[in-house]
């Protein structure tokens, strides 16, 4: 009987780099853009990337995407309950 292989979604070329912001980085992000945490786009706690990182509701993920014109850019998502 064959064993099931584990698949790491972060190794796929189409999945951008994800990381959890520290508390200091969260405060700086909100101050820099003059927004409240509730104004951030949301990502569900059940999303495979969130689960793989071990992020919890209330955490902010920074997602680094490649752009043909800008090189790289960052966008942010607030982890929320399902």
N, C-alpha and C. Protein backbone atom coordinates (compact mmCIF):
# COMPACT_ATOMS: atom_id res chain seq x y z
N UNK A 1 0.84 -1.19 0.00
CA UNK A 1 0.00 0.00 0.00
C UNK A 1 0.88 1.25 0.00
N UNK A 2 0.62 2.15 -0.90
CA UNK A 2 1.42 3.36 -1.03
C UNK A 2 1.06 4.36 0.06
N UNK A 3 2.06 5.10 0.52
CA UNK A 3 1.79 6.14 1.51
C UNK A 3 1.45 7.44 0.80
N UNK A 4 0.63 8.23 1.44
CA UNK A 4 0.21 9.51 0.88
C UNK A 4 1.35 10.52 1.00
N UNK A 5 1.70 11.17 -0.11
CA UNK A 5 2.75 12.17 -0.10
C UNK A 5 2.20 13.49 0.43
N UNK A 6 3.04 14.18 1.19
CA UNK A 6 2.68 15.51 1.68
C UNK A 6 2.98 16.53 0.58
N UNK A 7 2.13 17.53 0.46
CA UNK A 7 2.33 18.57 -0.54
C UNK A 7 2.41 19.92 0.17
N UNK A 8 3.49 20.63 -0.04
CA UNK A 8 3.69 21.96 0.54
C UNK A 8 3.26 23.00 -0.49
N UNK A 9 2.14 23.69 -0.21
CA UNK A 9 1.63 24.66 -1.19
C UNK A 9 2.59 25.80 -1.46
N UNK A 10 3.45 26.10 -0.48
CA UNK A 10 4.36 27.23 -0.64
C UNK A 10 5.50 26.95 -1.61
N UNK A 11 5.68 25.70 -2.00
CA UNK A 11 6.73 25.38 -2.96
C UNK A 11 6.26 25.51 -4.40
N UNK A 12 4.96 25.70 -4.60
CA UNK A 12 4.43 25.84 -5.96
C UNK A 12 4.75 27.22 -6.50
N UNK A 13 5.15 27.29 -7.76
CA UNK A 13 5.59 28.56 -8.36
C UNK A 13 4.49 29.62 -8.45
N UNK A 14 3.23 29.22 -8.43
CA UNK A 14 2.15 30.20 -8.54
C UNK A 14 1.68 30.73 -7.19
N UNK A 15 2.17 30.18 -6.10
CA UNK A 15 1.76 30.64 -4.77
C UNK A 15 2.76 31.68 -4.29
N UNK A 16 2.30 32.91 -4.04
CA UNK A 16 3.23 33.95 -3.59
C UNK A 16 3.68 33.71 -2.15
N UNK A 17 4.74 34.38 -1.77
CA UNK A 17 5.30 34.27 -0.43
C UNK A 17 4.33 34.89 0.59
N UNK A 18 4.08 34.18 1.68
CA UNK A 18 3.20 34.65 2.76
C UNK A 18 4.00 34.71 4.06
N UNK A 19 3.69 35.68 4.92
CA UNK A 19 4.26 35.70 6.26
C UNK A 19 3.33 36.44 7.20
N UNK A 20 3.44 36.12 8.48
CA UNK A 20 2.62 36.76 9.51
C UNK A 20 3.38 37.97 10.02
N UNK A 21 2.69 39.11 10.11
CA UNK A 21 3.32 40.31 10.64
C UNK A 21 3.40 40.24 12.17
N UNK A 22 4.47 40.81 12.72
CA UNK A 22 4.61 40.92 14.17
C UNK A 22 3.66 42.02 14.67
N UNK A 23 3.49 42.10 15.97
CA UNK A 23 2.62 43.15 16.54
C UNK A 23 3.13 44.54 16.17
N UNK A 24 4.44 44.74 16.20
CA UNK A 24 5.02 46.04 15.85
C UNK A 24 4.77 46.37 14.38
N UNK A 25 4.92 45.36 13.52
CA UNK A 25 4.67 45.56 12.09
C UNK A 25 3.21 45.86 11.82
N UNK A 26 2.30 45.21 12.56
CA UNK A 26 0.86 45.49 12.41
C UNK A 26 0.57 46.94 12.73
N UNK A 27 1.10 47.41 13.87
CA UNK A 27 0.86 48.80 14.28
C UNK A 27 1.42 49.78 13.25
N UNK A 28 2.62 49.51 12.74
CA UNK A 28 3.25 50.37 11.74
C UNK A 28 2.44 50.39 10.44
N UNK A 29 1.93 49.24 10.02
CA UNK A 29 1.12 49.16 8.80
C UNK A 29 -0.15 50.02 8.94
N UNK A 30 -0.84 49.86 10.05
CA UNK A 30 -2.07 50.62 10.27
C UNK A 30 -1.80 52.12 10.36
N UNK A 31 -0.69 52.47 11.01
CA UNK A 31 -0.32 53.89 11.13
C UNK A 31 0.08 54.45 9.76
N UNK A 32 0.89 53.69 9.01
CA UNK A 32 1.37 54.14 7.71
C UNK A 32 0.23 54.46 6.75
N UNK A 33 -0.77 53.58 6.70
CA UNK A 33 -1.88 53.77 5.76
C UNK A 33 -3.09 54.46 6.39
N UNK A 34 -2.96 54.81 7.68
CA UNK A 34 -4.03 55.52 8.40
C UNK A 34 -5.36 54.78 8.27
N UNK A 35 -5.33 53.49 8.61
CA UNK A 35 -6.54 52.67 8.54
C UNK A 35 -6.75 51.94 9.85
N UNK A 36 -7.96 51.43 10.02
CA UNK A 36 -8.28 50.55 11.15
C UNK A 36 -8.13 49.12 10.66
N UNK A 37 -7.88 48.21 11.57
CA UNK A 37 -7.68 46.81 11.20
C UNK A 37 -8.90 46.25 10.46
N UNK A 38 -10.08 46.74 10.79
CA UNK A 38 -11.31 46.25 10.15
C UNK A 38 -11.41 46.68 8.68
N UNK A 39 -10.58 47.60 8.24
CA UNK A 39 -10.61 48.06 6.86
C UNK A 39 -9.74 47.22 5.93
N UNK A 40 -8.98 46.28 6.48
CA UNK A 40 -8.15 45.42 5.65
C UNK A 40 -9.01 44.36 4.96
N UNK A 41 -8.60 43.93 3.77
CA UNK A 41 -9.27 42.78 3.15
C UNK A 41 -9.09 41.57 4.05
N UNK A 42 -9.99 40.61 3.95
CA UNK A 42 -9.97 39.48 4.86
C UNK A 42 -9.60 38.18 4.15
N UNK A 43 -9.09 37.24 4.95
CA UNK A 43 -8.81 35.88 4.48
C UNK A 43 -9.29 34.94 5.59
N UNK A 44 -9.98 33.89 5.22
CA UNK A 44 -10.54 32.98 6.21
C UNK A 44 -9.47 32.12 6.87
N UNK A 45 -9.69 31.81 8.13
CA UNK A 45 -8.75 30.99 8.90
C UNK A 45 -8.60 29.59 8.30
N UNK A 46 -9.56 29.15 7.51
CA UNK A 46 -9.50 27.82 6.90
C UNK A 46 -8.74 27.80 5.57
N UNK A 47 -8.31 28.96 5.07
CA UNK A 47 -7.55 29.01 3.83
C UNK A 47 -6.28 28.17 4.00
N UNK A 48 -5.92 27.36 3.01
CA UNK A 48 -4.74 26.49 3.14
C UNK A 48 -3.45 27.24 3.50
N UNK A 49 -3.27 28.43 2.99
CA UNK A 49 -2.06 29.20 3.32
C UNK A 49 -2.07 29.63 4.78
N UNK A 50 -3.23 30.00 5.29
CA UNK A 50 -3.35 30.41 6.69
C UNK A 50 -3.08 29.22 7.61
N UNK A 51 -3.67 28.08 7.27
CA UNK A 51 -3.48 26.86 8.07
C UNK A 51 -2.00 26.46 8.06
N UNK A 52 -1.36 26.50 6.90
CA UNK A 52 0.04 26.10 6.78
C UNK A 52 0.97 26.98 7.60
N UNK A 53 0.64 28.27 7.70
CA UNK A 53 1.46 29.20 8.48
C UNK A 53 1.17 29.14 9.97
N UNK A 54 0.00 28.61 10.32
CA UNK A 54 -0.39 28.58 11.72
C UNK A 54 -0.93 29.93 12.20
N UNK A 55 -1.43 30.73 11.27
CA UNK A 55 -1.98 32.04 11.63
C UNK A 55 -3.32 31.88 12.31
N UNK A 56 -3.63 32.84 13.19
CA UNK A 56 -4.87 32.83 13.95
C UNK A 56 -5.72 34.05 13.59
N UNK A 57 -7.02 33.99 13.85
CA UNK A 57 -7.84 35.19 13.63
C UNK A 57 -7.25 36.38 14.38
N UNK A 58 -7.19 37.50 13.67
CA UNK A 58 -6.59 38.71 14.23
C UNK A 58 -5.19 38.95 13.71
N UNK A 59 -4.54 37.90 13.18
CA UNK A 59 -3.22 38.07 12.57
C UNK A 59 -3.37 38.75 11.22
N UNK A 60 -2.32 39.43 10.79
CA UNK A 60 -2.28 40.04 9.46
C UNK A 60 -1.20 39.32 8.66
N UNK A 61 -1.57 38.88 7.46
CA UNK A 61 -0.61 38.24 6.56
C UNK A 61 -0.12 39.26 5.55
N UNK A 62 1.17 39.23 5.30
CA UNK A 62 1.76 40.01 4.23
C UNK A 62 2.02 39.03 3.09
N UNK A 63 1.53 39.35 1.91
CA UNK A 63 1.67 38.48 0.76
C UNK A 63 2.48 39.24 -0.29
N UNK A 64 3.59 38.64 -0.69
CA UNK A 64 4.52 39.29 -1.62
C UNK A 64 4.32 38.68 -3.00
N UNK A 65 3.81 39.49 -3.91
CA UNK A 65 3.54 39.03 -5.28
C UNK A 65 4.54 39.62 -6.25
N UNK A 66 4.80 38.86 -7.29
CA UNK A 66 5.67 39.32 -8.36
C UNK A 66 4.81 40.08 -9.37
N UNK A 67 5.35 41.20 -9.86
CA UNK A 67 4.64 42.02 -10.84
C UNK A 67 5.55 42.26 -12.04
N UNK A 68 5.02 42.14 -13.25
CA UNK A 68 5.86 42.41 -14.42
C UNK A 68 6.29 43.87 -14.53
N UNK A 69 5.55 44.78 -13.91
CA UNK A 69 5.89 46.21 -14.02
C UNK A 69 6.52 46.79 -12.77
N UNK A 70 6.15 46.27 -11.60
CA UNK A 70 6.64 46.86 -10.35
C UNK A 70 7.69 46.00 -9.65
N UNK A 71 8.07 44.90 -10.23
CA UNK A 71 9.00 44.00 -9.56
C UNK A 71 8.24 43.13 -8.57
N UNK A 72 8.18 43.58 -7.32
CA UNK A 72 7.39 42.91 -6.29
C UNK A 72 6.53 43.94 -5.60
N UNK A 73 5.37 43.50 -5.13
CA UNK A 73 4.54 44.37 -4.31
C UNK A 73 3.93 43.54 -3.20
N UNK A 74 3.56 44.22 -2.13
CA UNK A 74 3.00 43.55 -0.96
C UNK A 74 1.54 43.91 -0.80
N UNK A 75 0.77 42.94 -0.40
CA UNK A 75 -0.59 43.24 0.00
C UNK A 75 -0.89 42.49 1.28
N UNK A 76 -1.93 42.89 1.97
CA UNK A 76 -2.18 42.45 3.34
C UNK A 76 -3.58 41.91 3.48
N UNK A 77 -3.72 40.90 4.32
CA UNK A 77 -5.01 40.29 4.61
C UNK A 77 -5.14 40.06 6.10
N UNK A 78 -6.31 40.35 6.64
CA UNK A 78 -6.63 40.09 8.03
C UNK A 78 -7.24 38.70 8.14
N UNK A 79 -6.69 37.85 9.01
CA UNK A 79 -7.23 36.51 9.19
C UNK A 79 -8.49 36.61 10.05
N UNK A 80 -9.59 36.02 9.55
CA UNK A 80 -10.87 36.05 10.26
C UNK A 80 -11.41 34.64 10.42
N UNK A 81 -12.32 34.46 11.38
CA UNK A 81 -12.99 33.19 11.58
C UNK A 81 -13.80 32.84 10.33
N UNK A 82 -14.06 31.56 10.14
CA UNK A 82 -14.86 31.11 9.01
C UNK A 82 -16.32 31.50 9.18
